[in-house]
N, C-alpha and C. Protein backbone atom coordinates (compact mmCIF):
# COMPACT_ATOMS: atom_id res chain seq x y z
N UNK A 1 -16.84 116.22 -185.11
CA UNK A 1 -15.61 115.69 -184.58
C UNK A 1 -14.58 115.51 -185.70
N UNK A 2 -15.03 115.07 -186.86
CA UNK A 2 -14.13 114.87 -187.99
C UNK A 2 -13.46 116.18 -188.40
N UNK A 3 -14.21 117.27 -188.34
CA UNK A 3 -13.65 118.58 -188.69
C UNK A 3 -12.58 118.99 -187.69
N UNK A 4 -12.78 118.68 -186.42
CA UNK A 4 -11.76 118.98 -185.42
C UNK A 4 -10.49 118.18 -185.67
N UNK A 5 -10.64 116.88 -185.92
CA UNK A 5 -9.48 116.02 -186.14
C UNK A 5 -8.73 116.40 -187.41
N UNK A 6 -9.42 116.98 -188.38
CA UNK A 6 -8.76 117.40 -189.62
C UNK A 6 -7.77 118.54 -189.38
N UNK A 7 -7.87 119.20 -188.23
CA UNK A 7 -6.95 120.29 -187.91
C UNK A 7 -5.57 119.80 -187.49
N UNK A 8 -5.45 118.52 -187.18
CA UNK A 8 -4.15 117.98 -186.80
C UNK A 8 -3.21 118.03 -188.00
N UNK A 9 -2.04 118.59 -187.81
CA UNK A 9 -1.05 118.67 -188.88
C UNK A 9 -0.30 117.36 -189.08
N UNK A 10 -0.13 116.61 -188.00
CA UNK A 10 0.58 115.34 -188.10
C UNK A 10 0.11 114.41 -186.99
N UNK A 11 0.44 113.14 -187.16
CA UNK A 11 0.14 112.12 -186.16
C UNK A 11 1.39 111.28 -185.95
N UNK A 12 1.53 110.76 -184.74
CA UNK A 12 2.64 109.87 -184.44
C UNK A 12 2.09 108.45 -184.32
N UNK A 13 2.68 107.56 -185.11
CA UNK A 13 2.28 106.16 -185.11
C UNK A 13 3.41 105.30 -184.57
N UNK A 14 3.04 104.22 -183.91
CA UNK A 14 3.99 103.23 -183.44
C UNK A 14 3.77 101.97 -184.27
N UNK A 15 4.82 101.55 -184.97
CA UNK A 15 4.74 100.38 -185.85
C UNK A 15 5.54 99.23 -185.25
N UNK A 16 4.92 98.08 -185.16
CA UNK A 16 5.63 96.86 -184.77
C UNK A 16 6.01 96.15 -186.06
N UNK A 17 7.31 95.91 -186.22
CA UNK A 17 7.83 95.38 -187.48
C UNK A 17 8.43 93.99 -187.30
N UNK A 18 8.38 93.24 -188.38
CA UNK A 18 9.15 92.02 -188.48
C UNK A 18 10.27 92.35 -189.44
N UNK A 19 11.50 92.39 -188.92
CA UNK A 19 12.63 92.80 -189.75
C UNK A 19 12.95 91.78 -190.82
N UNK A 20 13.64 92.25 -191.84
CA UNK A 20 14.04 91.37 -192.93
C UNK A 20 15.07 90.37 -192.45
N UNK A 21 15.25 89.33 -193.22
CA UNK A 21 16.24 88.31 -192.88
C UNK A 21 17.66 88.86 -192.92
N UNK A 22 17.86 89.96 -193.64
CA UNK A 22 19.20 90.52 -193.82
C UNK A 22 19.71 91.21 -192.55
N UNK A 23 18.82 91.51 -191.61
CA UNK A 23 19.16 92.20 -190.37
C UNK A 23 19.88 93.51 -190.60
N UNK A 24 19.62 94.16 -191.70
CA UNK A 24 20.18 95.48 -191.96
C UNK A 24 19.18 96.52 -191.48
N UNK A 25 19.69 97.63 -190.93
CA UNK A 25 18.76 98.66 -190.45
C UNK A 25 17.93 99.23 -191.60
N UNK A 26 16.68 99.48 -191.33
CA UNK A 26 15.80 100.08 -192.33
C UNK A 26 16.17 101.54 -192.53
N UNK A 27 16.06 102.00 -193.75
CA UNK A 27 16.27 103.40 -194.08
C UNK A 27 14.90 103.98 -194.41
N UNK A 28 14.46 104.93 -193.60
CA UNK A 28 13.17 105.58 -193.81
C UNK A 28 13.43 107.04 -194.15
N UNK A 29 13.02 107.46 -195.33
CA UNK A 29 13.26 108.83 -195.77
C UNK A 29 11.98 109.66 -195.71
N UNK A 30 12.15 110.93 -195.37
CA UNK A 30 11.07 111.93 -195.38
C UNK A 30 10.02 111.76 -194.28
N UNK A 31 10.29 110.92 -193.32
CA UNK A 31 9.40 110.74 -192.17
C UNK A 31 10.26 110.81 -190.91
N UNK A 32 10.10 111.85 -190.08
CA UNK A 32 10.84 111.86 -188.81
C UNK A 32 10.47 110.60 -188.01
N UNK A 33 11.48 109.92 -187.50
CA UNK A 33 11.21 108.66 -186.80
C UNK A 33 12.30 108.38 -185.78
N UNK A 34 11.99 107.45 -184.89
CA UNK A 34 13.00 106.94 -183.96
C UNK A 34 12.65 105.51 -183.62
N UNK A 35 13.68 104.74 -183.35
CA UNK A 35 13.51 103.35 -182.98
C UNK A 35 13.30 103.26 -181.47
N UNK A 36 12.25 102.58 -181.04
CA UNK A 36 12.01 102.37 -179.62
C UNK A 36 12.70 101.10 -179.15
N UNK A 37 12.81 100.13 -180.02
CA UNK A 37 13.62 98.93 -179.83
C UNK A 37 13.89 98.36 -181.21
N UNK A 38 14.47 97.18 -181.30
CA UNK A 38 14.87 96.68 -182.63
C UNK A 38 13.71 96.36 -183.56
N UNK A 39 12.51 96.23 -183.02
CA UNK A 39 11.35 95.91 -183.86
C UNK A 39 10.22 96.92 -183.78
N UNK A 40 10.43 98.02 -183.07
CA UNK A 40 9.36 99.01 -182.88
C UNK A 40 9.82 100.38 -183.35
N UNK A 41 9.09 100.93 -184.29
CA UNK A 41 9.43 102.21 -184.91
C UNK A 41 8.34 103.23 -184.62
N UNK A 42 8.75 104.41 -184.15
CA UNK A 42 7.82 105.51 -183.92
C UNK A 42 8.01 106.50 -185.07
N UNK A 43 6.93 106.82 -185.77
CA UNK A 43 7.01 107.63 -186.99
C UNK A 43 6.03 108.81 -186.91
N UNK A 44 6.53 109.99 -187.26
CA UNK A 44 5.69 111.18 -187.34
C UNK A 44 5.25 111.32 -188.80
N UNK A 45 3.95 111.30 -189.03
CA UNK A 45 3.40 111.37 -190.38
C UNK A 45 2.59 112.65 -190.53
N UNK A 46 3.04 113.51 -191.44
CA UNK A 46 2.29 114.73 -191.72
C UNK A 46 1.04 114.37 -192.51
N UNK A 47 0.00 115.16 -192.32
CA UNK A 47 -1.29 114.87 -192.94
C UNK A 47 -1.16 114.73 -194.45
N UNK A 48 -0.40 115.60 -195.10
CA UNK A 48 -0.28 115.57 -196.56
C UNK A 48 0.59 114.41 -197.06
N UNK A 49 1.37 113.77 -196.18
CA UNK A 49 2.22 112.66 -196.59
C UNK A 49 1.46 111.36 -196.73
N UNK A 50 0.63 111.04 -195.78
CA UNK A 50 -0.06 109.77 -195.79
C UNK A 50 0.88 108.62 -195.41
N UNK A 51 0.34 107.42 -195.42
CA UNK A 51 1.08 106.24 -194.98
C UNK A 51 1.57 105.36 -196.12
N UNK A 52 1.04 105.52 -197.31
CA UNK A 52 1.38 104.63 -198.41
C UNK A 52 2.87 104.60 -198.71
N UNK A 53 3.49 105.76 -198.81
CA UNK A 53 4.93 105.83 -199.10
C UNK A 53 5.74 105.19 -197.98
N UNK A 54 5.35 105.42 -196.75
CA UNK A 54 6.05 104.83 -195.60
C UNK A 54 6.01 103.31 -195.69
N UNK A 55 4.82 102.74 -195.91
CA UNK A 55 4.69 101.29 -196.02
C UNK A 55 5.47 100.75 -197.21
N UNK A 56 5.49 101.50 -198.31
CA UNK A 56 6.26 101.07 -199.48
C UNK A 56 7.75 101.00 -199.17
N UNK A 57 8.26 102.00 -198.46
CA UNK A 57 9.67 102.01 -198.08
C UNK A 57 10.01 100.80 -197.20
N UNK A 58 9.14 100.52 -196.26
CA UNK A 58 9.38 99.41 -195.34
C UNK A 58 9.36 98.08 -196.08
N UNK A 59 8.34 97.85 -196.90
CA UNK A 59 8.23 96.57 -197.60
C UNK A 59 9.30 96.39 -198.66
N UNK A 60 9.75 97.49 -199.29
CA UNK A 60 10.81 97.40 -200.30
C UNK A 60 12.12 96.91 -199.70
N UNK A 61 12.28 97.06 -198.40
CA UNK A 61 13.50 96.62 -197.73
C UNK A 61 13.33 95.26 -197.06
N UNK A 62 12.23 94.59 -197.37
CA UNK A 62 12.02 93.23 -196.90
C UNK A 62 11.44 93.12 -195.50
N UNK A 63 10.96 94.21 -194.93
CA UNK A 63 10.35 94.16 -193.60
C UNK A 63 8.83 94.18 -193.75
N UNK A 64 8.16 93.82 -192.68
CA UNK A 64 6.70 93.75 -192.70
C UNK A 64 6.15 94.47 -191.47
N UNK A 65 5.07 95.22 -191.67
CA UNK A 65 4.39 95.88 -190.55
C UNK A 65 3.41 94.88 -189.96
N UNK A 66 3.64 94.50 -188.70
CA UNK A 66 2.76 93.53 -188.04
C UNK A 66 1.57 94.21 -187.38
N UNK A 67 1.81 95.41 -186.83
CA UNK A 67 0.71 96.16 -186.23
C UNK A 67 1.05 97.64 -186.21
N UNK A 68 0.02 98.46 -186.05
CA UNK A 68 0.20 99.91 -186.05
C UNK A 68 -0.82 100.50 -185.09
N UNK A 69 -0.38 101.50 -184.32
CA UNK A 69 -1.29 102.18 -183.40
C UNK A 69 -0.88 103.63 -183.28
N UNK A 70 -1.81 104.48 -182.89
CA UNK A 70 -1.49 105.87 -182.60
C UNK A 70 -0.70 105.92 -181.30
N UNK A 71 0.28 106.81 -181.23
CA UNK A 71 1.03 106.96 -179.99
C UNK A 71 0.14 107.54 -178.90
N UNK A 72 -0.69 108.50 -179.27
CA UNK A 72 -1.60 109.10 -178.30
C UNK A 72 -2.96 109.32 -178.95
N UNK A 73 -3.93 109.58 -178.14
CA UNK A 73 -5.27 109.85 -178.62
C UNK A 73 -5.28 111.12 -179.45
N UNK A 74 -5.90 111.10 -180.61
CA UNK A 74 -5.88 112.26 -181.51
C UNK A 74 -6.59 113.47 -180.92
N UNK A 75 -7.65 113.26 -180.17
CA UNK A 75 -8.33 114.40 -179.54
C UNK A 75 -7.44 115.04 -178.47
N UNK A 76 -6.70 114.21 -177.73
CA UNK A 76 -5.76 114.75 -176.75
C UNK A 76 -4.69 115.58 -177.45
N UNK A 77 -4.15 115.05 -178.55
CA UNK A 77 -3.14 115.78 -179.31
C UNK A 77 -3.67 117.12 -179.79
N UNK A 78 -4.87 117.11 -180.32
CA UNK A 78 -5.47 118.35 -180.82
C UNK A 78 -5.62 119.37 -179.70
N UNK A 79 -6.11 118.94 -178.55
CA UNK A 79 -6.27 119.84 -177.42
C UNK A 79 -4.93 120.42 -176.99
N UNK A 80 -3.91 119.59 -176.90
CA UNK A 80 -2.58 120.07 -176.50
C UNK A 80 -2.06 121.07 -177.51
N UNK A 81 -2.21 120.78 -178.79
CA UNK A 81 -1.73 121.70 -179.83
C UNK A 81 -2.48 123.03 -179.79
N UNK A 82 -3.78 122.98 -179.52
CA UNK A 82 -4.56 124.21 -179.47
C UNK A 82 -4.22 125.04 -178.23
N UNK A 83 -3.83 124.37 -177.15
CA UNK A 83 -3.52 125.07 -175.90
C UNK A 83 -2.15 125.74 -175.95
N UNK A 84 -1.30 125.33 -176.87
CA UNK A 84 0.07 125.89 -176.93
C UNK A 84 0.10 127.21 -177.64
């Protein structure tokens, strides 16, 4: 199963954030993303990118990641990508 999941080129994560006191919009570079609401960020992370840089960008701007989840099941994503 791990070998199958390794074929995924990217994953979409949903992050619940606690915004900084400054109430300035976060600037996220090199990660395609969209805001679902003022505290929820959907981010596409390529396998070679990893999450460390993303979390560093968020924390450097005074925000905190409260929770993180996959947008969809990784096996479902893999099946859809293989079927296309």
